[in-house]
Amino acid sequence: MNELDPLKRIQELCDERGWSYYQLAKASRITYSTLNTMINKQNMPSLSTLQKLCDGFGISLSDFFEPDRSASVLTEEQAQCLALFTPLSKTDRQLALAYLKGLARQL
C-alpha cells in the first residue's frame, strides 16, 4: 500500500460528497473547531477521531486507507448505486436502504 496522507484523504472524501468541513463535523459528531484545527494546522487525527470521521462518511477504516480495495469487485450497476448512495446524508442513506429492503421483499 502506498503511504496515505489522512488529511488529503479527508479532503478527497469531502470533495466526492460535495461536503463542507462543517457538514463532515456534524455527520461525524465532532466539533467543527476540532476538525478545522486539525485540517488547518495539519494535525493528524487520533484513531478515535478518525473512526468518528469514517462513521460520518459511512465507510470503514479499511475503506479509508484502501479506497480502491472494494471497487474492483463491483459490477457496473453496483458501482453506480454506490456512487449515488455515497454523497447522501445519514438520514437519506437510511431511507434508501429501507426502500431497497422493501423492494427486495417483493421479489
PDB file of N, CA and C in Angstrom:
ATOM      1  N   MET A   1       0.850  -1.180   0.000  1.00  0.00           N
ATOM      2  CA  MET A   1       0.000   0.000   0.000  1.00  0.00           C
ATOM      3  C   MET A   1       0.892   1.239   0.000  1.00  0.00           C
ATOM      4  N   ASN A   2       0.548   2.213  -0.797  1.00  0.00           N
ATOM      5  CA  ASN A   2       1.269   3.477  -0.803  1.00  0.00           C
ATOM      6  C   ASN A   2       0.950   4.245   0.467  1.00  0.00           C
ATOM      7  N   GLU A   3       1.897   5.110   0.856  1.00  0.00           N
ATOM      8  CA  GLU A   3       1.658   5.923   2.038  1.00  0.00           C
ATOM      9  C   GLU A   3       0.507   6.883   1.761  1.00  0.00           C
ATOM     10  N   LEU A   4      -0.410   6.948   2.681  1.00  0.00           N
ATOM     11  CA  LEU A   4      -1.607   7.752   2.518  1.00  0.00           C
ATOM     12  C   LEU A   4      -1.562   8.930   3.481  1.00  0.00           C
ATOM     13  N   ASP A   5      -1.890  10.105   2.995  1.00  0.00           N
ATOM     14  CA  ASP A   5      -1.992  11.288   3.844  1.00  0.00           C
ATOM     15  C   ASP A   5      -3.440  11.384   4.317  1.00  0.00           C
ATOM     16  N   PRO A   6      -3.700  11.123   5.609  1.00  0.00           N
ATOM     17  CA  PRO A   6      -5.081  11.137   6.096  1.00  0.00           C
ATOM     18  C   PRO A   6      -5.803  12.458   5.863  1.00  0.00           C
ATOM     19  N   LEU A   7      -5.100  13.572   5.975  1.00  0.00           N
ATOM     20  CA  LEU A   7      -5.760  14.870   5.788  1.00  0.00           C
ATOM     21  C   LEU A   7      -6.185  15.069   4.335  1.00  0.00           C
ATOM     22  N   LYS A   8      -5.341  14.632   3.411  1.00  0.00           N
ATOM     23  CA  LYS A   8      -5.721  14.711   1.991  1.00  0.00           C
ATOM     24  C   LYS A   8      -6.878  13.768   1.694  1.00  0.00           C
ATOM     25  N   ARG A   9      -6.868  12.605   2.319  1.00  0.00           N
ATOM     26  CA  ARG A   9      -7.950  11.630   2.115  1.00  0.00           C
ATOM     27  C   ARG A   9      -9.271  12.195   2.633  1.00  0.00           C
ATOM     28  N   ILE A  10      -9.234  12.876   3.783  1.00  0.00           N
ATOM     29  CA  ILE A  10     -10.442  13.511   4.315  1.00  0.00           C
ATOM     30  C   ILE A  10     -10.963  14.543   3.321  1.00  0.00           C
ATOM     31  N   GLN A  11     -10.058  15.342   2.767  1.00  0.00           N
ATOM     32  CA  GLN A  11     -10.458  16.345   1.787  1.00  0.00           C
ATOM     33  C   GLN A  11     -11.051  15.687   0.539  1.00  0.00           C
ATOM     34  N   GLU A  12     -10.441  14.612   0.064  1.00  0.00           N
ATOM     35  CA  GLU A  12     -10.956  13.888  -1.104  1.00  0.00           C
ATOM     36  C   GLU A  12     -12.372  13.381  -0.854  1.00  0.00           C
ATOM     37  N   LEU A  13     -12.583  12.792   0.320  1.00  0.00           N
ATOM     38  CA  LEU A  13     -13.909  12.255   0.642  1.00  0.00           C
ATOM     39  C   LEU A  13     -14.947  13.365   0.748  1.00  0.00           C
ATOM     40  N   CYS A  14     -14.556  14.505   1.299  1.00  0.00           N
ATOM     41  CA  CYS A  14     -15.478  15.654   1.344  1.00  0.00           C
ATOM     42  C   CYS A  14     -15.789  16.139  -0.067  1.00  0.00           C
ATOM     43  N   ASP A  15     -14.760  16.233  -0.910  1.00  0.00           N
ATOM     44  CA  ASP A  15     -14.956  16.684  -2.291  1.00  0.00           C
ATOM     45  C   ASP A  15     -15.867  15.733  -3.059  1.00  0.00           C
ATOM     46  N   GLU A  16     -15.685  14.418  -2.880  1.00  0.00           N
ATOM     47  CA  GLU A  16     -16.530  13.425  -3.558  1.00  0.00           C
ATOM     48  C   GLU A  16     -17.999  13.605  -3.215  1.00  0.00           C
ATOM     49  N   ARG A  17     -18.251  13.995  -1.975  1.00  0.00           N
ATOM     50  CA  ARG A  17     -19.626  14.126  -1.497  1.00  0.00           C
ATOM     51  C   ARG A  17     -20.174  15.542  -1.643  1.00  0.00           C
ATOM     52  N   GLY A  18     -19.293  16.486  -1.960  1.00  0.00           N
ATOM     53  CA  GLY A  18     -19.710  17.883  -2.023  1.00  0.00           C
ATOM     54  C   GLY A  18     -19.977  18.447  -0.638  1.00  0.00           C
ATOM     55  N   TRP A  19     -19.259  17.923   0.358  1.00  0.00           N
ATOM     56  CA  TRP A  19     -19.452  18.330   1.741  1.00  0.00           C
ATOM     57  C   TRP A  19     -18.459  19.407   2.144  1.00  0.00           C
ATOM     58  N   SER A  20     -18.915  20.290   2.998  1.00  0.00           N
ATOM     59  CA  SER A  20     -18.009  21.228   3.659  1.00  0.00           C
ATOM     60  C   SER A  20     -17.462  20.528   4.902  1.00  0.00           C
ATOM     61  N   TYR A  21     -16.442  21.104   5.506  1.00  0.00           N
ATOM     62  CA  TYR A  21     -15.924  20.533   6.744  1.00  0.00           C
ATOM     63  C   TYR A  21     -16.969  20.632   7.855  1.00  0.00           C
ATOM     64  N   TYR A  22     -17.793  21.645   7.789  1.00  0.00           N
ATOM     65  CA  TYR A  22     -18.868  21.770   8.775  1.00  0.00           C
ATOM     66  C   TYR A  22     -19.829  20.586   8.661  1.00  0.00           C
ATOM     67  N   GLN A  23     -20.187  20.224   7.423  1.00  0.00           N
ATOM     68  CA  GLN A  23     -21.090  19.083   7.229  1.00  0.00           C
ATOM     69  C   GLN A  23     -20.451  17.787   7.728  1.00  0.00           C
ATOM     70  N   LEU A  24     -19.149  17.633   7.473  1.00  0.00           N
ATOM     71  CA  LEU A  24     -18.447  16.446   7.954  1.00  0.00           C
ATOM     72  C   LEU A  24     -18.425  16.416   9.478  1.00  0.00           C
ATOM     73  N   ALA A  25     -18.126  17.536  10.098  1.00  0.00           N
ATOM     74  CA  ALA A  25     -18.093  17.590  11.558  1.00  0.00           C
ATOM     75  C   ALA A  25     -19.451  17.201  12.137  1.00  0.00           C
ATOM     76  N   LYS A  26     -20.502  17.718  11.547  1.00  0.00           N
ATOM     77  CA  LYS A  26     -21.852  17.413  12.023  1.00  0.00           C
ATOM     78  C   LYS A  26     -22.170  15.928  11.842  1.00  0.00           C
ATOM     79  N   ALA A  27     -21.850  15.373  10.673  1.00  0.00           N
ATOM     80  CA  ALA A  27     -22.117  13.958  10.407  1.00  0.00           C
ATOM     81  C   ALA A  27     -21.276  13.045  11.290  1.00  0.00           C
ATOM     82  N   SER A  28     -20.088  13.518  11.670  1.00  0.00           N
ATOM     83  CA  SER A  28     -19.153  12.719  12.460  1.00  0.00           C
ATOM     84  C   SER A  28     -19.327  12.906  13.964  1.00  0.00           C
ATOM     85  N   ARG A  29     -20.146  13.868  14.321  1.00  0.00           N
ATOM     86  CA  ARG A  29     -20.378  14.185  15.727  1.00  0.00           C
ATOM     87  C   ARG A  29     -19.092  14.600  16.447  1.00  0.00           C
ATOM     88  N   ILE A  30     -18.301  15.399  15.742  1.00  0.00           N
ATOM     89  CA  ILE A  30     -17.153  16.047  16.378  1.00  0.00           C
ATOM     90  C   ILE A  30     -17.353  17.547  16.195  1.00  0.00           C
ATOM     91  N   THR A  31     -16.680  18.333  16.995  1.00  0.00           N
ATOM     92  CA  THR A  31     -16.869  19.777  16.869  1.00  0.00           C
ATOM     93  C   THR A  31     -16.181  20.276  15.606  1.00  0.00           C
ATOM     94  N   TYR A  32     -16.775  21.301  15.030  1.00  0.00           N
ATOM     95  CA  TYR A  32     -16.192  21.905  13.841  1.00  0.00           C
ATOM     96  C   TYR A  32     -14.817  22.472  14.156  1.00  0.00           C
ATOM     97  N   SER A  33     -14.663  23.046  15.348  1.00  0.00           N
ATOM     98  CA  SER A  33     -13.373  23.634  15.701  1.00  0.00           C
ATOM     99  C   SER A  33     -12.283  22.564  15.753  1.00  0.00           C
ATOM    100  N   THR A  34     -12.610  21.369  16.219  1.00  0.00           N
ATOM    101  CA  THR A  34     -11.641  20.269  16.252  1.00  0.00           C
ATOM    102  C   THR A  34     -11.211  19.908  14.834  1.00  0.00           C
ATOM    103  N   LEU A  35     -12.189  19.741  13.951  1.00  0.00           N
ATOM    104  CA  LEU A  35     -11.885  19.376  12.572  1.00  0.00           C
ATOM    105  C   LEU A  35     -11.130  20.501  11.866  1.00  0.00           C
ATOM    106  N   ASN A  36     -11.573  21.721  12.034  1.00  0.00           N
ATOM    107  CA  ASN A  36     -10.942  22.863  11.387  1.00  0.00           C
ATOM    108  C   ASN A  36      -9.494  23.020  11.836  1.00  0.00           C
ATOM    109  N   THR A  37      -9.247  22.887  13.135  1.00  0.00           N
ATOM    110  CA  THR A  37      -7.880  22.980  13.650  1.00  0.00           C
ATOM    111  C   THR A  37      -7.020  21.861  13.084  1.00  0.00           C
ATOM    112  N   MET A  38      -7.571  20.661  13.044  1.00  0.00           N
ATOM    113  CA  MET A  38      -6.833  19.517  12.512  1.00  0.00           C
ATOM    114  C   MET A  38      -6.426  19.770  11.063  1.00  0.00           C
ATOM    115  N   ILE A  39      -7.342  20.248  10.260  1.00  0.00           N
ATOM    116  CA  ILE A  39      -7.072  20.484   8.835  1.00  0.00           C
ATOM    117  C   ILE A  39      -6.102  21.656   8.650  1.00  0.00           C
ATOM    118  N   ASN A  40      -6.380  22.774   9.282  1.00  0.00           N
ATOM    119  CA  ASN A  40      -5.580  23.985   9.075  1.00  0.00           C
ATOM    120  C   ASN A  40      -4.189  23.919   9.678  1.00  0.00           C
ATOM    121  N   LYS A  41      -4.037  23.213  10.771  1.00  0.00           N
ATOM    122  CA  LYS A  41      -2.719  23.113  11.416  1.00  0.00           C
ATOM    123  C   LYS A  41      -2.001  21.819  11.030  1.00  0.00           C
ATOM    124  N   GLN A  42      -2.603  21.056  10.122  1.00  0.00           N
ATOM    125  CA  GLN A  42      -2.015  19.812   9.639  1.00  0.00           C
ATOM    126  C   GLN A  42      -1.733  18.830  10.773  1.00  0.00           C
ATOM    127  N   ASN A  43      -2.640  18.785  11.756  1.00  0.00           N
ATOM    128  CA  ASN A  43      -2.531  17.827  12.852  1.00  0.00           C
ATOM    129  C   ASN A  43      -3.168  16.517  12.425  1.00  0.00           C
ATOM    130  N   MET A  44      -2.469  15.421  12.598  1.00  0.00           N
ATOM    131  CA  MET A  44      -3.004  14.125  12.244  1.00  0.00           C
ATOM    132  C   MET A  44      -4.083  13.727  13.248  1.00  0.00           C
ATOM    133  N   PRO A  45      -5.186  13.171  12.756  1.00  0.00           N
ATOM    134  CA  PRO A  45      -6.260  12.774  13.674  1.00  0.00           C
ATOM    135  C   PRO A  45      -5.851  11.562  14.510  1.00  0.00           C
ATOM    136  N   SER A  46      -6.386  11.507  15.712  1.00  0.00           N
ATOM    137  CA  SER A  46      -6.192  10.315  16.538  1.00  0.00           C
ATOM    138  C   SER A  46      -7.036   9.195  15.933  1.00  0.00           C
ATOM    139  N   LEU A  47      -6.796   7.984  16.366  1.00  0.00           N
ATOM    140  CA  LEU A  47      -7.563   6.852  15.852  1.00  0.00           C
ATOM    141  C   LEU A  47      -9.046   6.995  16.179  1.00  0.00           C
ATOM    142  N   SER A  48      -9.351   7.471  17.377  1.00  0.00           N
ATOM    143  CA  SER A  48     -10.767   7.632  17.748  1.00  0.00           C
ATOM    144  C   SER A  48     -11.440   8.720  16.907  1.00  0.00           C
ATOM    145  N   THR A  49     -10.725   9.806  16.629  1.00  0.00           N
ATOM    146  CA  THR A  49     -11.282  10.858  15.765  1.00  0.00           C
ATOM    147  C   THR A  49     -11.447  10.348  14.341  1.00  0.00           C
ATOM    148  N   LEU A  50     -10.465   9.605  13.873  1.00  0.00           N
ATOM    149  CA  LEU A  50     -10.546   9.043  12.523  1.00  0.00           C
ATOM    150  C   LEU A  50     -11.726   8.086  12.407  1.00  0.00           C
ATOM    151  N   GLN A  51     -11.980   7.301  13.443  1.00  0.00           N
ATOM    152  CA  GLN A  51     -13.136   6.396  13.426  1.00  0.00           C
ATOM    153  C   GLN A  51     -14.432   7.188  13.355  1.00  0.00           C
ATOM    154  N   LYS A  52     -14.519   8.285  14.097  1.00  0.00           N
ATOM    155  CA  LYS A  52     -15.713   9.131  14.051  1.00  0.00           C
ATOM    156  C   LYS A  52     -15.894   9.729  12.657  1.00  0.00           C
ATOM    157  N   LEU A  53     -14.797  10.148  12.037  1.00  0.00           N
ATOM    158  CA  LEU A  53     -14.872  10.692  10.675  1.00  0.00           C
ATOM    159  C   LEU A  53     -15.348   9.622   9.701  1.00  0.00           C
ATOM    160  N   CYS A  54     -14.809   8.425   9.828  1.00  0.00           N
ATOM    161  CA  CYS A  54     -15.234   7.326   8.954  1.00  0.00           C
ATOM    162  C   CYS A  54     -16.716   7.023   9.157  1.00  0.00           C
ATOM    163  N   ASP A  55     -17.169   7.032  10.415  1.00  0.00           N
ATOM    164  CA  ASP A  55     -18.588   6.820  10.699  1.00  0.00           C
ATOM    165  C   ASP A  55     -19.425   7.906  10.016  1.00  0.00           C
ATOM    166  N   GLY A  56     -18.947   9.133  10.074  1.00  0.00           N
ATOM    167  CA  GLY A  56     -19.653  10.230   9.412  1.00  0.00           C
ATOM    168  C   GLY A  56     -19.711  10.057   7.911  1.00  0.00           C
ATOM    169  N   PHE A  57     -18.633   9.570   7.328  1.00  0.00           N
ATOM    170  CA  PHE A  57     -18.606   9.306   5.888  1.00  0.00           C
ATOM    171  C   PHE A  57     -19.382   8.042   5.530  1.00  0.00           C
ATOM    172  N   GLY A  58     -19.634   7.200   6.520  1.00  0.00           N
ATOM    173  CA  GLY A  58     -20.316   5.939   6.260  1.00  0.00           C
ATOM    174  C   GLY A  58     -19.403   4.895   5.638  1.00  0.00           C
ATOM    175  N   ILE A  59     -18.128   4.941   6.012  1.00  0.00           N
ATOM    176  CA  ILE A  59     -17.160   3.984   5.485  1.00  0.00           C
ATOM    177  C   ILE A  59     -16.401   3.354   6.651  1.00  0.00           C
ATOM    178  N   SER A  60     -15.718   2.250   6.366  1.00  0.00           N
ATOM    179  CA  SER A  60     -14.889   1.607   7.384  1.00  0.00           C
ATOM    180  C   SER A  60     -13.492   2.222   7.364  1.00  0.00           C
ATOM    181  N   LEU A  61     -12.717   1.940   8.399  1.00  0.00           N
ATOM    182  CA  LEU A  61     -11.322   2.375   8.405  1.00  0.00           C
ATOM    183  C   LEU A  61     -10.565   1.743   7.246  1.00  0.00           C
ATOM    184  N   SER A  62     -10.898   0.493   6.914  1.00  0.00           N
ATOM    185  CA  SER A  62     -10.254  -0.169   5.766  1.00  0.00           C
ATOM    186  C   SER A  62     -10.520   0.597   4.479  1.00  0.00           C
ATOM    187  N   ASP A  63     -11.773   1.027   4.298  1.00  0.00           N
ATOM    188  CA  ASP A  63     -12.119   1.789   3.096  1.00  0.00           C
ATOM    189  C   ASP A  63     -11.395   3.136   3.077  1.00  0.00           C
ATOM    190  N   PHE A  64     -11.194   3.712   4.251  1.00  0.00           N
ATOM    191  CA  PHE A  64     -10.483   4.986   4.336  1.00  0.00           C
ATOM    192  C   PHE A  64      -9.048   4.831   3.845  1.00  0.00           C
ATOM    193  N   PHE A  65      -8.372   3.769   4.311  1.00  0.00           N
ATOM    194  CA  PHE A  65      -6.964   3.594   3.988  1.00  0.00           C
ATOM    195  C   PHE A  65      -6.714   2.866   2.668  1.00  0.00           C
ATOM    196  N   GLU A  66      -7.700   2.114   2.191  1.00  0.00           N
ATOM    197  CA  GLU A  66      -7.565   1.414   0.914  1.00  0.00           C
ATOM    198  C   GLU A  66      -8.803   1.685   0.059  1.00  0.00           C
ATOM    199  N   PRO A  67      -8.910   2.898  -0.483  1.00  0.00           N
ATOM    200  CA  PRO A  67     -10.140   3.297  -1.185  1.00  0.00           C
ATOM    201  C   PRO A  67     -10.469   2.458  -2.414  1.00  0.00           C
ATOM    202  N   ASP A  68      -9.478   1.877  -3.065  1.00  0.00           N
ATOM    203  CA  ASP A  68      -9.747   1.108  -4.284  1.00  0.00           C
ATOM    204  C   ASP A  68      -9.944  -0.372  -4.014  1.00  0.00           C
ATOM    205  N   ARG A  69      -9.850  -0.787  -2.760  1.00  0.00           N
ATOM    206  CA  ARG A  69      -9.908  -2.202  -2.392  1.00  0.00           C
ATOM    207  C   ARG A  69     -11.206  -2.861  -2.833  1.00  0.00           C
ATOM    208  N   SER A  70     -12.337  -2.249  -2.553  1.00  0.00           N
ATOM    209  CA  SER A  70     -13.615  -2.898  -2.829  1.00  0.00           C
ATOM    210  C   SER A  70     -14.194  -2.537  -4.189  1.00  0.00           C
ATOM    211  N   ALA A  71     -13.726  -1.479  -4.806  1.00  0.00           N
ATOM    212  CA  ALA A  71     -14.306  -1.023  -6.065  1.00  0.00           C
ATOM    213  C   ALA A  71     -14.077  -2.015  -7.201  1.00  0.00           C
ATOM    214  N   SER A  72     -12.989  -2.775  -7.150  1.00  0.00           N
ATOM    215  CA  SER A  72     -12.665  -3.664  -8.258  1.00  0.00           C
ATOM    216  C   SER A  72     -13.584  -4.870  -8.337  1.00  0.00           C
ATOM    217  N   VAL A  73     -14.310  -5.191  -7.287  1.00  0.00           N
ATOM    218  CA  VAL A  73     -15.175  -6.362  -7.300  1.00  0.00           C
ATOM    219  C   VAL A  73     -16.636  -6.014  -7.564  1.00  0.00           C
ATOM    220  N   LEU A  74     -16.930  -4.762  -7.804  1.00  0.00           N
ATOM    221  CA  LEU A  74     -18.305  -4.335  -8.048  1.00  0.00           C
ATOM    222  C   LEU A  74     -18.658  -4.407  -9.525  1.00  0.00           C
ATOM    223  N   THR A  75     -19.907  -4.768  -9.797  1.00  0.00           N
ATOM    224  CA  THR A  75     -20.392  -4.681 -11.169  1.00  0.00           C
ATOM    225  C   THR A  75     -20.615  -3.205 -11.491  1.00  0.00           C
ATOM    226  N   GLU A  76     -20.849  -2.915 -12.747  1.00  0.00           N
ATOM    227  CA  GLU A  76     -21.089  -1.525 -13.142  1.00  0.00           C
ATOM    228  C   GLU A  76     -22.330  -0.967 -12.452  1.00  0.00           C
ATOM    229  N   GLU A  77     -23.388  -1.772 -12.353  1.00  0.00           N
ATOM    230  CA  GLU A  77     -24.618  -1.319 -11.691  1.00  0.00           C
ATOM    231  C   GLU A  77     -24.389  -1.080 -10.200  1.00  0.00           C
ATOM    232  N   GLN A  78     -23.613  -1.961  -9.555  1.00  0.00           N
ATOM    233  CA  GLN A  78     -23.319  -1.789  -8.137  1.00  0.00           C
ATOM    234  C   GLN A  78     -22.493  -0.520  -7.908  1.00  0.00           C
ATOM    235  N   ALA A  79     -21.527  -0.283  -8.762  1.00  0.00           N
ATOM    236  CA  ALA A  79     -20.702   0.921  -8.647  1.00  0.00           C
ATOM    237  C   ALA A  79     -21.554   2.175  -8.831  1.00  0.00           C
ATOM    238  N   GLN A  80     -22.510   2.113  -9.750  1.00  0.00           N
ATOM    239  CA  GLN A  80     -23.392   3.255  -9.979  1.00  0.00           C
ATOM    240  C   GLN A  80     -24.262   3.508  -8.749  1.00  0.00           C
ATOM    241  N   CYS A  81     -24.789   2.437  -8.157  1.00  0.00           N
ATOM    242  CA  CYS A  81     -25.597   2.582  -6.940  1.00  0.00           C
ATOM    243  C   CYS A  81     -24.763   3.177  -5.808  1.00  0.00           C
ATOM    244  N   LEU A  82     -23.551   2.691  -5.662  1.00  0.00           N
ATOM    245  CA  LEU A  82     -22.672   3.195  -4.618  1.00  0.00           C
ATOM    246  C   LEU A  82     -22.335   4.666  -4.838  1.00  0.00           C
ATOM    247  N   ALA A  83     -22.119   5.044  -6.090  1.00  0.00           N
ATOM    248  CA  ALA A  83     -21.818   6.444  -6.402  1.00  0.00           C
ATOM    249  C   ALA A  83     -22.991   7.357  -6.057  1.00  0.00           C
ATOM    250  N   LEU A  84     -24.201   6.860  -6.236  1.00  0.00           N
ATOM    251  CA  LEU A  84     -25.382   7.648  -5.875  1.00  0.00           C
ATOM    252  C   LEU A  84     -25.620   7.657  -4.365  1.00  0.00           C
ATOM    253  N   PHE A  85     -25.299   6.568  -3.723  1.00  0.00           N
ATOM    254  CA  PHE A  85     -25.526   6.404  -2.286  1.00  0.00           C
ATOM    255  C   PHE A  85     -24.529   7.195  -1.444  1.00  0.00           C
ATOM    256  N   THR A  86     -23.281   7.228  -1.862  1.00  0.00           N
ATOM    257  CA  THR A  86     -22.181   7.790  -1.076  1.00  0.00           C
ATOM    258  C   THR A  86     -22.405   9.241  -0.643  1.00  0.00           C
ATOM    259  N   PRO A  87     -22.853  10.146  -1.507  1.00  0.00           N
ATOM    260  CA  PRO A  87     -22.973  11.537  -1.055  1.00  0.00           C
ATOM    261  C   PRO A  87     -24.207  11.829  -0.201  1.00  0.00           C
ATOM    262  N   LEU A  88     -25.068  10.839  -0.004  1.00  0.00           N
ATOM    263  CA  LEU A  88     -26.289  11.068   0.761  1.00  0.00           C
ATOM    264  C   LEU A  88     -25.983  11.309   2.235  1.00  0.00           C
ATOM    265  N   SER A  89     -26.860  12.048   2.872  1.00  0.00           N
ATOM    266  CA  SER A  89     -26.742  12.245   4.320  1.00  0.00           C
ATOM    267  C   SER A  89     -27.070  10.926   5.008  1.00  0.00           C
ATOM    268  N   LYS A  90     -26.767  10.831   6.279  1.00  0.00           N
ATOM    269  CA  LYS A  90     -27.042   9.605   7.032  1.00  0.00           C
ATOM    270  C   LYS A  90     -28.534   9.272   6.996  1.00  0.00           C
ATOM    271  N   THR A  91     -29.381  10.274   7.145  1.00  0.00           N
ATOM    272  CA  THR A  91     -30.830  10.065   7.113  1.00  0.00           C
ATOM    273  C   THR A  91     -31.273   9.563   5.744  1.00  0.00           C
ATOM    274  N   ASP A  92     -30.766  10.181   4.689  1.00  0.00           N
ATOM    275  CA  ASP A  92     -31.143   9.760   3.340  1.00  0.00           C
ATOM    276  C   ASP A  92     -30.622   8.360   3.030  1.00  0.00           C
ATOM    277  N   ARG A  93     -29.466   8.012   3.580  1.00  0.00           N
ATOM    278  CA  ARG A  93     -28.949   6.649   3.402  1.00  0.00           C
ATOM    279  C   ARG A  93     -29.893   5.637   4.044  1.00  0.00           C
ATOM    280  N   GLN A  94     -30.371   5.956   5.240  1.00  0.00           N
ATOM    281  CA  GLN A  94     -31.300   5.058   5.921  1.00  0.00           C
ATOM    282  C   GLN A  94     -32.583   4.898   5.113  1.00  0.00           C
ATOM    283  N   LEU A  95     -33.064   5.994   4.541  1.00  0.00           N
ATOM    284  CA  LEU A  95     -34.265   5.923   3.706  1.00  0.00           C
ATOM    285  C   LEU A  95     -34.024   5.071   2.457  1.00  0.00           C
ATOM    286  N   ALA A  96     -32.871   5.265   1.832  1.00  0.00           N
ATOM    287  CA  ALA A  96     -32.537   4.482   0.634  1.00  0.00           C
ATOM    288  C   ALA A  96     -32.454   2.998   0.969  1.00  0.00           C
ATOM    289  N   LEU A  97     -31.837   2.672   2.088  1.00  0.00           N
ATOM    290  CA  LEU A  97     -31.741   1.272   2.496  1.00  0.00           C
ATOM    291  C   LEU A  97     -33.113   0.682   2.793  1.00  0.00           C
ATOM    292  N   ALA A  98     -33.963   1.452   3.445  1.00  0.00           N
ATOM    293  CA  ALA A  98     -35.322   0.978   3.734  1.00  0.00           C
ATOM    294  C   ALA A  98     -36.081   0.714   2.429  1.00  0.00           C
ATOM    295  N   TYR A  99     -35.919   1.593   1.472  1.00  0.00           N
ATOM    296  CA  TYR A  99     -36.566   1.412   0.170  1.00  0.00           C
ATOM    297  C   TYR A  99     -36.069   0.137  -0.520  1.00  0.00           C
ATOM    298  N   LEU A 100     -34.747  -0.057  -0.518  1.00  0.00           N
ATOM    299  CA  LEU A 100     -34.179  -1.254  -1.141  1.00  0.00           C
ATOM    300  C   LEU A 100     -34.640  -2.529  -0.446  1.00  0.00           C
ATOM    301  N   LYS A 101     -34.731  -2.489   0.871  1.00  0.00           N
ATOM    302  CA  LYS A 101     -35.225  -3.656   1.617  1.00  0.00           C
ATOM    303  C   LYS A 101     -36.668  -3.953   1.240  1.00  0.00           C
ATOM    304  N   GLY A 102     -37.455  -2.906   1.072  1.00  0.00           N
ATOM    305  CA  GLY A 102     -38.852  -3.080   0.652  1.00  0.00           C
ATOM    306  C   GLY A 102     -38.933  -3.701  -0.744  1.00  0.00           C
ATOM    307  N   LEU A 103     -38.092  -3.233  -1.645  1.00  0.00           N
ATOM    308  CA  LEU A 103     -38.061  -3.823  -2.997  1.00  0.00           C
ATOM    309  C   LEU A 103     -37.647  -5.286  -2.955  1.00  0.00           C
ATOM    310  N   ALA A 104     -36.673  -5.599  -2.119  1.00  0.00           N
ATOM    311  CA  ALA A 104     -36.169  -6.974  -2.030  1.00  0.00           C
ATOM    312  C   ALA A 104     -37.239  -7.928  -1.507  1.00  0.00           C
ATOM    313  N   ARG A 105     -38.099  -7.451  -0.667  1.00  0.00           N
ATOM    314  CA  ARG A 105     -39.184  -8.296  -0.122  1.00  0.00           C
ATOM    315  C   ARG A 105     -40.227  -8.627  -1.174  1.00  0.00           C
ATOM    316  N   GLN A 106     -40.305  -7.790  -2.199  1.00  0.00           N
ATOM    317  CA  GLN A 106     -41.300  -8.018  -3.255  1.00  0.00           C
ATOM    318  C   GLN A 106     -40.864  -9.119  -4.211  1.00  0.00           C
ATOM    319  N   LEU A 107     -39.596  -9.480  -4.179  1.00  0.00           N
ATOM    320  CA  LEU A 107     -39.083 -10.493  -5.098  1.00  0.00           C
ATOM    321  C   LEU A 107     -39.526 -11.876  -4.737  1.00  0.00           C
TER     322      LEU A 107
END
